[in-house]
Amino acid sequence: MAQKISYELASNQQIRTDLGEKLASQRLAQNITQEQLAERSGVSLRTLKRLEKGENSSIETLIKVMSGLQLLANLEQLIPAPTVRPMERIQQKGKERQRARPIVQEKDADTSATWSWGDEQ
């Protein structure tokens, strides 16, 4: 397996390659052939090989292969639950947020200093 990479700094291709290598390592650690895993996962052998090489693949394929490796519990860690801010929860009266509001960026301080009502003499 290649050295550990930082996903924050890596390209999508590097992340796919790293994930593919990790899946292949898990498969080998469990002493499962590619053919056996493909059959167990319900994907074609070619699809599994592409996934392990880091080539483009679908989320569906990743889920099936992780299921075949009995690693589905690890998917829960993929996207952490959002943190709840108590004041926001009170303002929303306990309701979950359904939409995101765009963040309004403040104008430069210099432009606000030059603005006037127009009635100054």
Protein backbone atom coordinates (compact mmCIF):
# COMPACT_ATOMS: atom_id res chain seq x y z
CA MET A 1 0.00 0.00 0.00
CA ALA A 2 1.19 3.50 -0.75
CA GLN A 3 2.03 5.99 1.94
CA LYS A 4 -0.78 7.71 3.80
CA ILE A 5 -2.12 10.75 1.98
CA SER A 6 -4.02 13.78 3.23
CA TYR A 7 -7.42 13.76 1.52
CA GLU A 8 -7.66 17.53 2.07
CA LEU A 9 -4.66 18.08 -0.19
CA ALA A 10 -5.09 15.16 -2.61
CA SER A 11 -6.74 15.22 -6.02
CA ASN A 12 -9.86 13.18 -6.69
CA GLN A 13 -7.75 10.66 -8.62
CA GLN A 14 -5.34 10.25 -5.70
CA ILE A 15 -8.24 9.70 -3.30
CA ARG A 16 -9.86 7.12 -5.61
CA THR A 17 -6.53 5.30 -5.96
CA ASP A 18 -5.99 5.30 -2.20
CA LEU A 19 -9.51 4.00 -1.52
CA GLY A 20 -9.06 1.29 -4.15
CA GLU A 21 -5.78 0.20 -2.57
CA LYS A 22 -7.42 0.07 0.85
CA LEU A 23 -10.26 -2.07 -0.49
CA ALA A 24 -7.77 -4.42 -2.14
CA SER A 25 -5.78 -4.64 1.12
CA GLN A 26 -8.94 -5.46 3.06
CA ARG A 27 -9.83 -8.14 0.50
CA LEU A 28 -6.38 -9.71 0.76
CA ALA A 29 -6.40 -9.49 4.56
CA GLN A 30 -9.62 -11.51 4.51
CA ASN A 31 -8.02 -13.96 2.04
CA ILE A 32 -10.69 -13.38 -0.62
CA THR A 33 -9.96 -13.48 -4.36
CA GLN A 34 -11.25 -10.80 -6.68
CA GLU A 35 -13.55 -13.35 -8.27
CA GLN A 36 -15.01 -14.37 -4.90
CA LEU A 37 -15.54 -10.75 -3.81
CA ALA A 38 -17.13 -9.79 -7.11
CA GLU A 39 -19.59 -12.68 -6.82
CA ARG A 40 -20.26 -12.00 -3.13
CA SER A 41 -20.80 -8.28 -3.83
CA GLY A 42 -22.96 -8.69 -6.92
CA VAL A 43 -20.65 -6.75 -9.24
CA SER A 44 -18.71 -7.87 -12.27
CA LEU A 45 -15.06 -8.82 -11.95
CA ARG A 46 -14.13 -5.97 -14.31
CA THR A 47 -16.01 -3.47 -12.13
CA LEU A 48 -14.20 -4.67 -9.01
CA LYS A 49 -10.82 -4.45 -10.74
CA ARG A 50 -11.60 -0.90 -11.87
CA LEU A 51 -12.61 0.07 -8.33
CA GLU A 52 -9.42 -1.39 -6.83
CA LYS A 53 -7.34 0.47 -9.45
CA GLY A 54 -8.95 3.78 -8.49
CA GLU A 55 -10.81 4.23 -11.75
CA ASN A 56 -14.19 5.97 -11.85
CA SER A 57 -16.90 3.97 -10.18
CA SER A 58 -20.32 4.55 -8.64
CA ILE A 59 -21.29 4.90 -5.02
CA GLU A 60 -23.53 1.87 -5.55
CA THR A 61 -20.47 -0.23 -6.47
CA LEU A 62 -18.55 1.03 -3.43
CA ILE A 63 -21.46 0.11 -1.15
CA LYS A 64 -21.80 -3.35 -2.67
CA VAL A 65 -18.08 -4.09 -2.35
CA MET A 66 -17.94 -2.79 1.21
CA SER A 67 -20.92 -5.01 1.99
CA GLY A 68 -19.09 -7.97 0.46
CA LEU A 69 -16.14 -7.19 2.73
CA GLN A 70 -18.48 -6.75 5.73
CA LEU A 71 -17.37 -3.13 6.14
CA LEU A 72 -20.73 -1.36 5.90
CA ALA A 73 -20.50 -0.16 9.50
CA ASN A 74 -17.52 1.95 8.43
CA LEU A 75 -19.70 3.97 6.03
CA GLU A 76 -21.35 5.69 8.98
CA GLN A 77 -18.06 7.48 9.61
CA LEU A 78 -17.90 8.78 6.04
CA ILE A 79 -20.07 11.83 6.69
CA PRO A 80 -20.37 12.85 10.34
CA ALA A 81 -23.66 14.06 11.75
CA PRO A 82 -23.88 17.86 11.79
CA THR A 83 -23.25 19.53 15.09
CA VAL A 84 -26.30 21.08 16.72
CA ARG A 85 -25.97 24.66 17.87
CA PRO A 86 -28.26 25.18 20.87
CA MET A 87 -29.17 28.81 20.06
CA GLU A 88 -30.07 27.91 16.49
CA ARG A 89 -32.23 25.03 17.75
CA ILE A 90 -34.09 27.42 20.08
CA GLN A 91 -34.62 29.95 17.28
CA GLN A 92 -35.99 27.22 15.05
CA LYS A 93 -38.21 25.94 17.88
CA GLY A 94 -36.71 22.44 17.67
CA LYS A 95 -37.24 22.05 13.91
CA GLU A 96 -34.49 20.74 11.68
CA ARG A 97 -33.05 23.05 9.04
CA GLN A 98 -34.52 22.36 5.58
CA ARG A 99 -32.73 25.01 3.50
CA ALA A 100 -29.45 26.87 3.53
CA ARG A 101 -29.41 30.64 3.44
CA PRO A 102 -26.63 32.27 1.38
CA ILE A 103 -24.01 34.08 3.40
CA VAL A 104 -24.03 37.80 2.67
CA GLN A 105 -20.55 39.22 2.46
CA GLU A 106 -19.98 42.62 3.99
CA LYS A 107 -18.77 45.45 1.78
CA ASP A 108 -15.34 46.96 2.31
CA ALA A 109 -15.13 49.57 5.06
CA ASP A 110 -13.68 52.08 2.55
CA THR A 111 -16.81 52.09 0.36
CA SER A 112 -19.15 52.61 3.33
CA ALA A 113 -17.08 55.62 4.47
CA THR A 114 -17.61 57.42 1.13
CA TRP A 115 -21.39 56.99 1.08
CA SER A 116 -23.55 59.93 2.08
CA TRP A 117 -27.22 60.96 2.16
CA GLY A 118 -26.57 63.67 -0.40
CA ASP A 119 -28.02 66.52 1.65
CA GLU A 120 -24.75 67.57 3.27
CA GLN A 121 -23.39 70.99 2.30
